[in-house]
Amino acid sequence: MKTQATSTLPRAARQALVKLGEDIAIARKKRRISTVSMAERAFVSRGTLYKVEKGDPSVSMGIYATVLFILGLIEGLGNVADRSADTLGLDIDEDRLPKKVQPRRKSTRKRG
């Protein structure tokens, strides 16, 4: 069943989810974790795990996070939108810098 979010998903986002699902499946297999065991450990059905491994966008981010945690890959999720690696955001910040910097004026107000 396609939801509106699924049908309007940009192609690049869809491809990224498919890759994530494939990478999760490979990581599970490398660790010799069966689908039954992974589903039990993640508290999801095998059908939901199948969707995760296919990169289904209808699966909640929390389930993806749980599966990544079980695989020991959760750190990567926390770095997905790391602001220090956001080159576009850093460029925007730089574009907003003033062209000239004026020295601060001394205040004429008396303190005390």
PDB file of N, CA and C in Angstrom:
ATOM      1  N   MET A   1       0.840  -1.179   0.000  1.00  0.00           N
ATOM      2  CA  MET A   1       0.000   0.000   0.000  1.00  0.00           C
ATOM      3  C   MET A   1       0.886   1.244   0.000  1.00  0.00           C
ATOM      4  N   LYS A   2       0.667   2.128  -0.951  1.00  0.00           N
ATOM      5  CA  LYS A   2       1.444   3.357  -1.030  1.00  0.00           C
ATOM      6  C   LYS A   2       0.721   4.454  -0.281  1.00  0.00           C
ATOM      7  N   THR A   3       1.477   5.129   0.582  1.00  0.00           N
ATOM      8  CA  THR A   3       0.927   6.289   1.266  1.00  0.00           C
ATOM      9  C   THR A   3       1.321   7.522   0.468  1.00  0.00           C
ATOM     10  N   GLN A   4       0.763   8.677   0.835  1.00  0.00           N
ATOM     11  CA  GLN A   4       1.128   9.912   0.142  1.00  0.00           C
ATOM     12  C   GLN A   4       2.614  10.195   0.328  1.00  0.00           C
ATOM     13  N   ALA A   5       3.134   9.942   1.540  1.00  0.00           N
ATOM     14  CA  ALA A   5       4.557  10.186   1.806  1.00  0.00           C
ATOM     15  C   ALA A   5       5.423   9.297   0.921  1.00  0.00           C
ATOM     16  N   THR A   6       4.994   8.074   0.695  1.00  0.00           N
ATOM     17  CA  THR A   6       5.755   7.149  -0.144  1.00  0.00           C
ATOM     18  C   THR A   6       5.717   7.580  -1.599  1.00  0.00           C
ATOM     19  N   SER A   7       4.563   7.992  -2.078  1.00  0.00           N
ATOM     20  CA  SER A   7       4.437   8.336  -3.499  1.00  0.00           C
ATOM     21  C   SER A   7       5.081   9.680  -3.827  1.00  0.00           C
ATOM     22  N   THR A   8       5.262  10.550  -2.852  1.00  0.00           N
ATOM     23  CA  THR A   8       5.883  11.854  -3.109  1.00  0.00           C
ATOM     24  C   THR A   8       7.354  11.892  -2.699  1.00  0.00           C
ATOM     25  N   LEU A   9       7.889  10.762  -2.319  1.00  0.00           N
ATOM     26  CA  LEU A   9       9.279  10.683  -1.889  1.00  0.00           C
ATOM     27  C   LEU A   9      10.203  10.994  -3.059  1.00  0.00           C
ATOM     28  N   PRO A  10      11.123  11.952  -2.893  1.00  0.00           N
ATOM     29  CA  PRO A  10      12.056  12.247  -3.992  1.00  0.00           C
ATOM     30  C   PRO A  10      12.895  11.016  -4.349  1.00  0.00           C
ATOM     31  N   ARG A  11      13.246  10.917  -5.608  1.00  0.00           N
ATOM     32  CA  ARG A  11      13.992   9.751  -6.102  1.00  0.00           C
ATOM     33  C   ARG A  11      15.284   9.529  -5.306  1.00  0.00           C
ATOM     34  N   ALA A  12      16.025  10.598  -5.024  1.00  0.00           N
ATOM     35  CA  ALA A  12      17.292  10.460  -4.289  1.00  0.00           C
ATOM     36  C   ALA A  12      17.050   9.913  -2.885  1.00  0.00           C
ATOM     37  N   ALA A  13      15.965  10.342  -2.257  1.00  0.00           N
ATOM     38  CA  ALA A  13      15.636   9.839  -0.922  1.00  0.00           C
ATOM     39  C   ALA A  13      15.259   8.370  -0.991  1.00  0.00           C
ATOM     40  N   ARG A  14      14.503   8.011  -1.994  1.00  0.00           N
ATOM     41  CA  ARG A  14      14.100   6.606  -2.186  1.00  0.00           C
ATOM     42  C   ARG A  14      15.332   5.724  -2.391  1.00  0.00           C
ATOM     43  N   GLN A  15      16.256   6.182  -3.229  1.00  0.00           N
ATOM     44  CA  GLN A  15      17.475   5.416  -3.489  1.00  0.00           C
ATOM     45  C   GLN A  15      18.321   5.288  -2.223  1.00  0.00           C
ATOM     46  N   ALA A  16      18.371   6.347  -1.432  1.00  0.00           N
ATOM     47  CA  ALA A  16      19.139   6.298  -0.187  1.00  0.00           C
ATOM     48  C   ALA A  16      18.538   5.290   0.782  1.00  0.00           C
ATOM     49  N   LEU A  17      17.201   5.235   0.865  1.00  0.00           N
ATOM     50  CA  LEU A  17      16.548   4.261   1.745  1.00  0.00           C
ATOM     51  C   LEU A  17      16.775   2.833   1.256  1.00  0.00           C
ATOM     52  N   VAL A  18      16.717   2.633  -0.040  1.00  0.00           N
ATOM     53  CA  VAL A  18      16.960   1.294  -0.595  1.00  0.00           C
ATOM     54  C   VAL A  18      18.382   0.848  -0.260  1.00  0.00           C
ATOM     55  N   LYS A  19      19.346   1.746  -0.421  1.00  0.00           N
ATOM     56  CA  LYS A  19      20.732   1.429  -0.083  1.00  0.00           C
ATOM     57  C   LYS A  19      20.867   1.121   1.400  1.00  0.00           C
ATOM     58  N   LEU A  20      20.220   1.934   2.245  1.00  0.00           N
ATOM     59  CA  LEU A  20      20.250   1.691   3.685  1.00  0.00           C
ATOM     60  C   LEU A  20      19.705   0.305   4.003  1.00  0.00           C
ATOM     61  N   GLY A  21      18.584  -0.048   3.410  1.00  0.00           N
ATOM     62  CA  GLY A  21      17.994  -1.364   3.632  1.00  0.00           C
ATOM     63  C   GLY A  21      18.922  -2.492   3.207  1.00  0.00           C
ATOM     64  N   GLU A  22      19.530  -2.330   2.041  1.00  0.00           N
ATOM     65  CA  GLU A  22      20.466  -3.354   1.558  1.00  0.00           C
ATOM     66  C   GLU A  22      21.667  -3.477   2.498  1.00  0.00           C
ATOM     67  N   ASP A  23      22.184  -2.341   2.942  1.00  0.00           N
ATOM     68  CA  ASP A  23      23.334  -2.345   3.861  1.00  0.00           C
ATOM     69  C   ASP A  23      22.975  -2.988   5.195  1.00  0.00           C
ATOM     70  N   ILE A  24      21.767  -2.738   5.672  1.00  0.00           N
ATOM     71  CA  ILE A  24      21.302  -3.359   6.916  1.00  0.00           C
ATOM     72  C   ILE A  24      21.229  -4.876   6.744  1.00  0.00           C
ATOM     73  N   ALA A  25      20.679  -5.326   5.622  1.00  0.00           N
ATOM     74  CA  ALA A  25      20.569  -6.771   5.375  1.00  0.00           C
ATOM     75  C   ALA A  25      21.951  -7.420   5.336  1.00  0.00           C
ATOM     76  N   ILE A  26      22.891  -6.784   4.666  1.00  0.00           N
ATOM     77  CA  ILE A  26      24.251  -7.334   4.588  1.00  0.00           C
ATOM     78  C   ILE A  26      24.910  -7.357   5.960  1.00  0.00           C
ATOM     79  N   ALA A  27      24.743  -6.271   6.723  1.00  0.00           N
ATOM     80  CA  ALA A  27      25.334  -6.212   8.068  1.00  0.00           C
ATOM     81  C   ALA A  27      24.752  -7.311   8.958  1.00  0.00           C
ATOM     82  N   ARG A  28      23.446  -7.554   8.837  1.00  0.00           N
ATOM     83  CA  ARG A  28      22.801  -8.621   9.629  1.00  0.00           C
ATOM     84  C   ARG A  28      23.382  -9.973   9.259  1.00  0.00           C
ATOM     85  N   LYS A  29      23.526 -10.212   7.969  1.00  0.00           N
ATOM     86  CA  LYS A  29      24.056 -11.501   7.503  1.00  0.00           C
ATOM     87  C   LYS A  29      25.518 -11.688   7.913  1.00  0.00           C
ATOM     88  N   LYS A  30      26.330 -10.633   7.821  1.00  0.00           N
ATOM     89  CA  LYS A  30      27.730 -10.720   8.241  1.00  0.00           C
ATOM     90  C   LYS A  30      27.842 -11.100   9.716  1.00  0.00           C
ATOM     91  N   ARG A  31      26.880 -10.643  10.510  1.00  0.00           N
ATOM     92  CA  ARG A  31      26.882 -10.932  11.942  1.00  0.00           C
ATOM     93  C   ARG A  31      26.205 -12.268  12.252  1.00  0.00           C
ATOM     94  N   ARG A  32      25.759 -12.942  11.204  1.00  0.00           N
ATOM     95  CA  ARG A  32      25.098 -14.245  11.333  1.00  0.00           C
ATOM     96  C   ARG A  32      23.862 -14.169  12.244  1.00  0.00           C
ATOM     97  N   ILE A  33      23.089 -13.079  12.073  1.00  0.00           N
ATOM     98  CA  ILE A  33      21.849 -12.922  12.832  1.00  0.00           C
ATOM     99  C   ILE A  33      20.701 -13.309  11.903  1.00  0.00           C
ATOM    100  N   SER A  34      19.902 -14.257  12.328  1.00  0.00           N
ATOM    101  CA  SER A  34      18.769 -14.685  11.495  1.00  0.00           C
ATOM    102  C   SER A  34      17.687 -13.602  11.498  1.00  0.00           C
ATOM    103  N   THR A  35      16.795 -13.680  10.516  1.00  0.00           N
ATOM    104  CA  THR A  35      15.691 -12.718  10.474  1.00  0.00           C
ATOM    105  C   THR A  35      14.784 -12.897  11.687  1.00  0.00           C
ATOM    106  N   VAL A  36      14.605 -14.134  12.135  1.00  0.00           N
ATOM    107  CA  VAL A  36      13.775 -14.401  13.315  1.00  0.00           C
ATOM    108  C   VAL A  36      14.390 -13.736  14.542  1.00  0.00           C
ATOM    109  N   SER A  37      15.688 -13.937  14.732  1.00  0.00           N
ATOM    110  CA  SER A  37      16.377 -13.370  15.882  1.00  0.00           C
ATOM    111  C   SER A  37      16.379 -11.838  15.830  1.00  0.00           C
ATOM    112  N   MET A  38      16.658 -11.273  14.665  1.00  0.00           N
ATOM    113  CA  MET A  38      16.686  -9.809  14.536  1.00  0.00           C
ATOM    114  C   MET A  38      15.317  -9.223  14.809  1.00  0.00           C
ATOM    115  N   ALA A  39      14.286  -9.822  14.261  1.00  0.00           N
ATOM    116  CA  ALA A  39      12.930  -9.327  14.488  1.00  0.00           C
ATOM    117  C   ALA A  39      12.577  -9.378  15.971  1.00  0.00           C
ATOM    118  N   GLU A  40      12.933 -10.475  16.643  1.00  0.00           N
ATOM    119  CA  GLU A  40      12.657 -10.594  18.073  1.00  0.00           C
ATOM    120  C   GLU A  40      13.408  -9.526  18.859  1.00  0.00           C
ATOM    121  N   ARG A  41      14.683  -9.343  18.549  1.00  0.00           N
ATOM    122  CA  ARG A  41      15.500  -8.370  19.272  1.00  0.00           C
ATOM    123  C   ARG A  41      15.033  -6.940  19.038  1.00  0.00           C
ATOM    124  N   ALA A  42      14.486  -6.658  17.866  1.00  0.00           N
ATOM    125  CA  ALA A  42      13.995  -5.315  17.535  1.00  0.00           C
ATOM    126  C   ALA A  42      12.525  -5.123  17.906  1.00  0.00           C
ATOM    127  N   PHE A  43      11.891  -6.184  18.427  1.00  0.00           N
ATOM    128  CA  PHE A  43      10.472  -6.152  18.804  1.00  0.00           C
ATOM    129  C   PHE A  43       9.580  -5.770  17.624  1.00  0.00           C
ATOM    130  N   VAL A  44       9.888  -6.351  16.454  1.00  0.00           N
ATOM    131  CA  VAL A  44       9.073  -6.141  15.263  1.00  0.00           C
ATOM    132  C   VAL A  44       8.772  -7.496  14.636  1.00  0.00           C
ATOM    133  N   SER A  45       7.831  -7.498  13.711  1.00  0.00           N
ATOM    134  CA  SER A  45       7.524  -8.737  12.991  1.00  0.00           C
ATOM    135  C   SER A  45       8.583  -8.970  11.908  1.00  0.00           C
ATOM    136  N   ARG A  46       8.645 -10.193  11.418  1.00  0.00           N
ATOM    137  CA  ARG A  46       9.573 -10.481  10.316  1.00  0.00           C
ATOM    138  C   ARG A  46       9.172  -9.691   9.076  1.00  0.00           C
ATOM    139  N   GLY A  47       7.880  -9.452   8.911  1.00  0.00           N
ATOM    140  CA  GLY A  47       7.405  -8.647   7.782  1.00  0.00           C
ATOM    141  C   GLY A  47       7.940  -7.223   7.843  1.00  0.00           C
ATOM    142  N   THR A  48       7.957  -6.648   9.045  1.00  0.00           N
ATOM    143  CA  THR A  48       8.498  -5.297   9.207  1.00  0.00           C
ATOM    144  C   THR A  48       9.996  -5.300   8.959  1.00  0.00           C
ATOM    145  N   LEU A  49      10.686  -6.319   9.452  1.00  0.00           N
ATOM    146  CA  LEU A  49      12.129  -6.422   9.201  1.00  0.00           C
ATOM    147  C   LEU A  49      12.383  -6.533   7.694  1.00  0.00           C
ATOM    148  N   TYR A  50      11.560  -7.289   6.994  1.00  0.00           N
ATOM    149  CA  TYR A  50      11.677  -7.406   5.543  1.00  0.00           C
ATOM    150  C   TYR A  50      11.556  -6.022   4.894  1.00  0.00           C
ATOM    151  N   LYS A  51      10.595  -5.210   5.370  1.00  0.00           N
ATOM    152  CA  LYS A  51      10.418  -3.855   4.846  1.00  0.00           C
ATOM    153  C   LYS A  51      11.644  -2.995   5.121  1.00  0.00           C
ATOM    154  N   VAL A  52      12.206  -3.120   6.317  1.00  0.00           N
ATOM    155  CA  VAL A  52      13.426  -2.369   6.653  1.00  0.00           C
ATOM    156  C   VAL A  52      14.527  -2.715   5.663  1.00  0.00           C
ATOM    157  N   GLU A  53      14.716  -3.996   5.419  1.00  0.00           N
ATOM    158  CA  GLU A  53      15.793  -4.446   4.541  1.00  0.00           C
ATOM    159  C   GLU A  53      15.531  -4.122   3.073  1.00  0.00           C
ATOM    160  N   LYS A  54      14.329  -3.703   2.757  1.00  0.00           N
ATOM    161  CA  LYS A  54      14.003  -3.242   1.408  1.00  0.00           C
ATOM    162  C   LYS A  54      14.018  -1.718   1.331  1.00  0.00           C
ATOM    163  N   GLY A  55      14.233  -1.053   2.482  1.00  0.00           N
ATOM    164  CA  GLY A  55      14.260   0.407   2.506  1.00  0.00           C
ATOM    165  C   GLY A  55      12.894   1.036   2.395  1.00  0.00           C
ATOM    166  N   ASP A  56      11.901   0.378   2.944  1.00  0.00           N
ATOM    167  CA  ASP A  56      10.520   0.863   2.867  1.00  0.00           C
ATOM    168  C   ASP A  56      10.370   2.156   3.683  1.00  0.00           C
ATOM    169  N   PRO A  57       9.926   3.251   3.033  1.00  0.00           N
ATOM    170  CA  PRO A  57       9.789   4.526   3.740  1.00  0.00           C
ATOM    171  C   PRO A  57       8.615   4.583   4.709  1.00  0.00           C
ATOM    172  N   SER A  58       7.740   3.592   4.678  1.00  0.00           N
ATOM    173  CA  SER A  58       6.602   3.601   5.603  1.00  0.00           C
ATOM    174  C   SER A  58       6.987   3.088   6.993  1.00  0.00           C
ATOM    175  N   VAL A  59       8.176   2.505   7.126  1.00  0.00           N
ATOM    176  CA  VAL A  59       8.651   2.023   8.423  1.00  0.00           C
ATOM    177  C   VAL A  59       9.180   3.214   9.207  1.00  0.00           C
ATOM    178  N   SER A  60       8.858   3.262  10.489  1.00  0.00           N
ATOM    179  CA  SER A  60       9.258   4.414  11.295  1.00  0.00           C
ATOM    180  C   SER A  60      10.769   4.507  11.456  1.00  0.00           C
ATOM    181  N   MET A  61      11.228   5.724  11.620  1.00  0.00           N
ATOM    182  CA  MET A  61      12.651   5.950  11.833  1.00  0.00           C
ATOM    183  C   MET A  61      13.115   5.263  13.114  1.00  0.00           C
ATOM    184  N   GLY A  62      12.233   5.176  14.083  1.00  0.00           N
ATOM    185  CA  GLY A  62      12.573   4.504  15.335  1.00  0.00           C
ATOM    186  C   GLY A  62      12.931   3.045  15.126  1.00  0.00           C
ATOM    187  N   ILE A  63      12.239   2.378  14.227  1.00  0.00           N
ATOM    188  CA  ILE A  63      12.541   0.970  13.942  1.00  0.00           C
ATOM    189  C   ILE A  63      13.881   0.863  13.224  1.00  0.00           C
ATOM    190  N   TYR A  64      14.117   1.755  12.248  1.00  0.00           N
ATOM    191  CA  TYR A  64      15.431   1.764  11.603  1.00  0.00           C
ATOM    192  C   TYR A  64      16.522   1.982  12.646  1.00  0.00           C
ATOM    193  N   ALA A  65      16.308   2.924  13.577  1.00  0.00           N
ATOM    194  CA  ALA A  65      17.296   3.225  14.617  1.00  0.00           C
ATOM    195  C   ALA A  65      17.540   2.017  15.511  1.00  0.00           C
ATOM    196  N   THR A  66      16.481   1.307  15.863  1.00  0.00           N
ATOM    197  CA  THR A  66      16.622   0.118  16.705  1.00  0.00           C
ATOM    198  C   THR A  66      17.449  -0.950  16.016  1.00  0.00           C
ATOM    199  N   VAL A  67      17.166  -1.190  14.754  1.00  0.00           N
ATOM    200  CA  VAL A  67      17.910  -2.194  13.987  1.00  0.00           C
ATOM    201  C   VAL A  67      19.377  -1.784  13.872  1.00  0.00           C
ATOM    202  N   LEU A  68      19.641  -0.515  13.595  1.00  0.00           N
ATOM    203  CA  LEU A  68      21.026  -0.038  13.520  1.00  0.00           C
ATOM    204  C   LEU A  68      21.738  -0.197  14.861  1.00  0.00           C
ATOM    205  N   PHE A  69      21.024   0.047  15.953  1.00  0.00           N
ATOM    206  CA  PHE A  69      21.598  -0.125  17.293  1.00  0.00           C
ATOM    207  C   PHE A  69      21.998  -1.581  17.516  1.00  0.00           C
ATOM    208  N   ILE A  70      21.111  -2.483  17.189  1.00  0.00           N
ATOM    209  CA  ILE A  70      21.382  -3.914  17.360  1.00  0.00           C
ATOM    210  C   ILE A  70      22.618  -4.329  16.558  1.00  0.00           C
ATOM    211  N   LEU A  71      22.783  -3.729  15.386  1.00  0.00           N
ATOM    212  CA  LEU A  71      23.919  -4.058  14.529  1.00  0.00           C
ATOM    213  C   LEU A  71      25.199  -3.323  14.941  1.00  0.00           C
ATOM    214  N   GLY A  72      25.099  -2.427  15.914  1.00  0.00           N
ATOM    215  CA  GLY A  72      26.263  -1.651  16.337  1.00  0.00           C
ATOM    216  C   GLY A  72      26.597  -0.521  15.381  1.00  0.00           C
ATOM    217  N   LEU A  73      25.605  -0.053  14.642  1.00  0.00           N
ATOM    218  CA  LEU A  73      25.818   0.978  13.632  1.00  0.00           C
ATOM    219  C   LEU A  73      25.068   2.276  13.930  1.00  0.00           C
ATOM    220  N   ILE A  74      24.601   2.444  15.163  1.00  0.00           N
ATOM    221  CA  ILE A  74      23.758   3.591  15.496  1.00  0.00           C
ATOM    222  C   ILE A  74      24.508   4.920  15.399  1.00  0.00           C
ATOM    223  N   GLU A  75      25.807   4.916  15.620  1.00  0.00           N
ATOM    224  CA  GLU A  75      26.566   6.173  15.574  1.00  0.00           C
ATOM    225  C   GLU A  75      26.422   6.868  14.221  1.00  0.00           C
ATOM    226  N   GLY A  76      26.387   6.088  13.169  1.00  0.00           N
ATOM    227  CA  GLY A  76      26.234   6.659  11.832  1.00  0.00           C
ATOM    228  C   GLY A  76      24.941   7.433  11.682  1.00  0.00           C
ATOM    229  N   LEU A  77      23.870   6.976  12.316  1.00  0.00           N
ATOM    230  CA  LEU A  77      22.589   7.671  12.231  1.00  0.00           C
ATOM    231  C   LEU A  77      22.680   9.045  12.874  1.00  0.00           C
ATOM    232  N   GLY A  78      23.378   9.129  13.996  1.00  0.00           N
ATOM    233  CA  GLY A  78      23.521  10.404  14.676  1.00  0.00           C
ATOM    234  C   GLY A  78      24.335  11.419  13.898  1.00  0.00           C
ATOM    235  N   ASN A  79      25.095  10.954  12.929  1.00  0.00           N
ATOM    236  CA  ASN A  79      25.936  11.843  12.138  1.00  0.00           C
ATOM    237  C   ASN A  79      25.365  12.164  10.761  1.00  0.00           C
ATOM    238  N   VAL A  80      24.183  11.652  10.462  1.00  0.00           N
ATOM    239  CA  VAL A  80      23.610  11.834   9.124  1.00  0.00           C
ATOM    240  C   VAL A  80      23.477  13.312   8.757  1.00  0.00           C
ATOM    241  N   ALA A  81      22.996  14.124   9.662  1.00  0.00           N
ATOM    242  CA  ALA A  81      22.807  15.553   9.382  1.00  0.00           C
ATOM    243  C   ALA A  81      23.735  16.405  10.248  1.00  0.00           C
ATOM    244  N   ASP A  82      24.922  15.897  10.523  1.00  0.00           N
ATOM    245  CA  ASP A  82      25.884  16.594  11.365  1.00  0.00           C
ATOM    246  C   ASP A  82      26.136  17.999  10.824  1.00  0.00           C
ATOM    247  N   ARG A  83      25.892  18.997  11.669  1.00  0.00           N
ATOM    248  CA  ARG A  83      26.005  20.383  11.212  1.00  0.00           C
ATOM    249  C   ARG A  83      27.424  20.762  10.800  1.00  0.00           C
ATOM    250  N   SER A  84      28.431  20.092  11.341  1.00  0.00           N
ATOM    251  CA  SER A  84      29.805  20.421  10.952  1.00  0.00           C
ATOM    252  C   SER A  84      30.138  19.870   9.562  1.00  0.00           C
ATOM    253  N   ALA A  85      29.341  18.941   9.072  1.00  0.00           N
ATOM    254  CA  ALA A  85      29.548  18.389   7.733  1.00  0.00           C
ATOM    255  C   ALA A  85      28.544  18.943   6.725  1.00  0.00           C
ATOM    256  N   ASP A  86      27.720  19.892   7.153  1.00  0.00           N
ATOM    257  CA  ASP A  86      26.690  20.488   6.302  1.00  0.00           C
ATOM    258  C   ASP A  86      27.322  21.594   5.461  1.00  0.00           C
ATOM    259  N   THR A  87      27.913  21.215   4.342  1.00  0.00           N
ATOM    260  CA  THR A  87      28.644  22.186   3.527  1.00  0.00           C
ATOM    261  C   THR A  87      27.737  23.288   2.993  1.00  0.00           C
ATOM    262  N   LEU A  88      26.515  22.961   2.621  1.00  0.00           N
ATOM    263  CA  LEU A  88      25.598  23.994   2.138  1.00  0.00           C
ATOM    264  C   LEU A  88      25.287  24.981   3.264  1.00  0.00           C
ATOM    265  N   GLY A  89      24.981  24.463   4.452  1.00  0.00           N
ATOM    266  CA  GLY A  89      24.697  25.333   5.590  1.00  0.00           C
ATOM    267  C   GLY A  89      25.890  26.205   5.950  1.00  0.00           C
ATOM    268  N   LEU A  90      27.078  25.631   5.885  1.00  0.00           N
ATOM    269  CA  LEU A  90      28.286  26.400   6.181  1.00  0.00           C
ATOM    270  C   LEU A  90      28.507  27.484   5.134  1.00  0.00           C
ATOM    271  N   ASP A  91      28.233  27.169   3.871  1.00  0.00           N
ATOM    272  CA  ASP A  91      28.351  28.175   2.810  1.00  0.00           C
ATOM    273  C   ASP A  91      27.343  29.304   3.004  1.00  0.00           C
ATOM    274  N   ILE A  92      26.124  28.960   3.393  1.00  0.00           N
ATOM    275  CA  ILE A  92      25.098  29.978   3.638  1.00  0.00           C
ATOM    276  C   ILE A  92      25.546  30.891   4.774  1.00  0.00           C
ATOM    277  N   ASP A  93      26.065  30.310   5.851  1.00  0.00           N
ATOM    278  CA  ASP A  93      26.575  31.116   6.960  1.00  0.00           C
ATOM    279  C   ASP A  93      27.663  32.062   6.484  1.00  0.00           C
ATOM    280  N   GLU A  94      28.565  31.558   5.664  1.00  0.00           N
ATOM    281  CA  GLU A  94      29.669  32.374   5.175  1.00  0.00           C
ATOM    282  C   GLU A  94      29.174  33.507   4.288  1.00  0.00           C
ATOM    283  N   ASP A  95      28.147  33.243   3.483  1.00  0.00           N
ATOM    284  CA  ASP A  95      27.581  34.279   2.609  1.00  0.00           C
ATOM    285  C   ASP A  95      26.940  35.403   3.414  1.00  0.00           C
ATOM    286  N   ARG A  96      26.526  35.115   4.643  1.00  0.00           N
ATOM    287  CA  ARG A  96      25.869  36.113   5.485  1.00  0.00           C
ATOM    288  C   ARG A  96      26.855  36.973   6.281  1.00  0.00           C
ATOM    289  N   LEU A  97      28.121  36.643   6.187  1.00  0.00           N
ATOM    290  CA  LEU A  97      29.117  37.434   6.915  1.00  0.00           C
ATOM    291  C   LEU A  97      29.151  38.853   6.351  1.00  0.00           C
ATOM    292  N   PRO A  98      29.383  39.840   7.207  1.00  0.00           N
ATOM    293  CA  PRO A  98      29.448  41.223   6.697  1.00  0.00           C
ATOM    294  C   PRO A  98      30.647  41.397   5.776  1.00  0.00           C
ATOM    295  N   LYS A  99      30.489  42.267   4.782  1.00  0.00           N
ATOM    296  CA  LYS A  99      31.582  42.531   3.843  1.00  0.00           C
ATOM    297  C   LYS A  99      32.692  43.336   4.523  1.00  0.00           C
ATOM    298  N   LYS A 100      32.282  44.263   5.404  1.00  0.00           N
ATOM    299  CA  LYS A 100      33.232  45.076   6.153  1.00  0.00           C
ATOM    300  C   LYS A 100      32.907  44.955   7.632  1.00  0.00           C
ATOM    301  N   VAL A 101      33.921  45.039   8.427  1.00  0.00           N
ATOM    302  CA  VAL A 101      33.727  45.007   9.876  1.00  0.00           C
ATOM    303  C   VAL A 101      34.179  46.354  10.420  1.00  0.00           C
ATOM    304  N   GLN A 102      33.265  47.054  11.090  1.00  0.00           N
ATOM    305  CA  GLN A 102      33.560  48.352  11.683  1.00  0.00           C
ATOM    306  C   GLN A 102      34.033  48.151  13.114  1.00  0.00           C
ATOM    307  N   PRO A 103      35.024  48.958  13.547  1.00  0.00           N
ATOM    308  CA  PRO A 103      35.437  48.856  14.954  1.00  0.00           C
ATOM    309  C   PRO A 103      34.292  49.291  15.860  1.00  0.00           C
ATOM    310  N   ARG A 104      34.227  48.709  17.036  1.00  0.00           N
ATOM    311  CA  ARG A 104      33.171  49.072  17.984  1.00  0.00           C
ATOM    312  C   ARG A 104      33.390  50.484  18.487  1.00  0.00           C
ATOM    313  N   ARG A 105      32.305  51.192  18.633  1.00  0.00           N
ATOM    314  CA  ARG A 105      32.371  52.532  19.193  1.00  0.00           C
ATOM    315  C   ARG A 105      32.374  52.430  20.707  1.00  0.00           C
ATOM    316  N   LYS A 106      33.127  53.294  21.324  1.00  0.00           N
ATOM    317  CA  LYS A 106      33.146  53.323  22.777  1.00  0.00           C
ATOM    318  C   LYS A 106      31.858  53.979  23.250  1.00  0.00           C
ATOM    319  N   SER A 107      31.289  53.415  24.289  1.00  0.00           N
ATOM    320  CA  SER A 107      30.063  53.931  24.841  1.00  0.00           C
ATOM    321  C   SER A 107      30.338  55.255  25.559  1.00  0.00           C
ATOM    322  N   THR A 108      29.437  56.229  25.376  1.00  0.00           N
ATOM    323  CA  THR A 108      29.583  57.524  26.043  1.00  0.00           C
ATOM    324  C   THR A 108      28.849  57.538  27.381  1.00  0.00           C
ATOM    325  N   ARG A 109      28.148  56.462  27.671  1.00  0.00           N
ATOM    326  CA  ARG A 109      27.422  56.378  28.955  1.00  0.00           C
ATOM    327  C   ARG A 109      28.409  56.177  30.083  1.00  0.00           C
ATOM    328  N   LYS A 110      28.136  56.833  31.202  1.00  0.00           N
ATOM    329  CA  LYS A 110      28.961  56.667  32.370  1.00  0.00           C
ATOM    330  C   LYS A 110      28.431  55.496  33.170  1.00  0.00           C
ATOM    331  N   ARG A 111      29.334  54.714  33.675  1.00  0.00           N
ATOM    332  CA  ARG A 111      28.954  53.572  34.499  1.00  0.00           C
ATOM    333  C   ARG A 111      28.949  53.998  35.961  1.00  0.00           C
ATOM    334  N   GLY A 112      28.100  53.447  36.714  1.00  0.00           N
ATOM    335  CA  GLY A 112      28.165  53.669  38.147  1.00  0.00           C
ATOM    336  C   GLY A 112      26.943  54.169  38.649  1.00  0.00           C
TER     337      GLY A 112
END
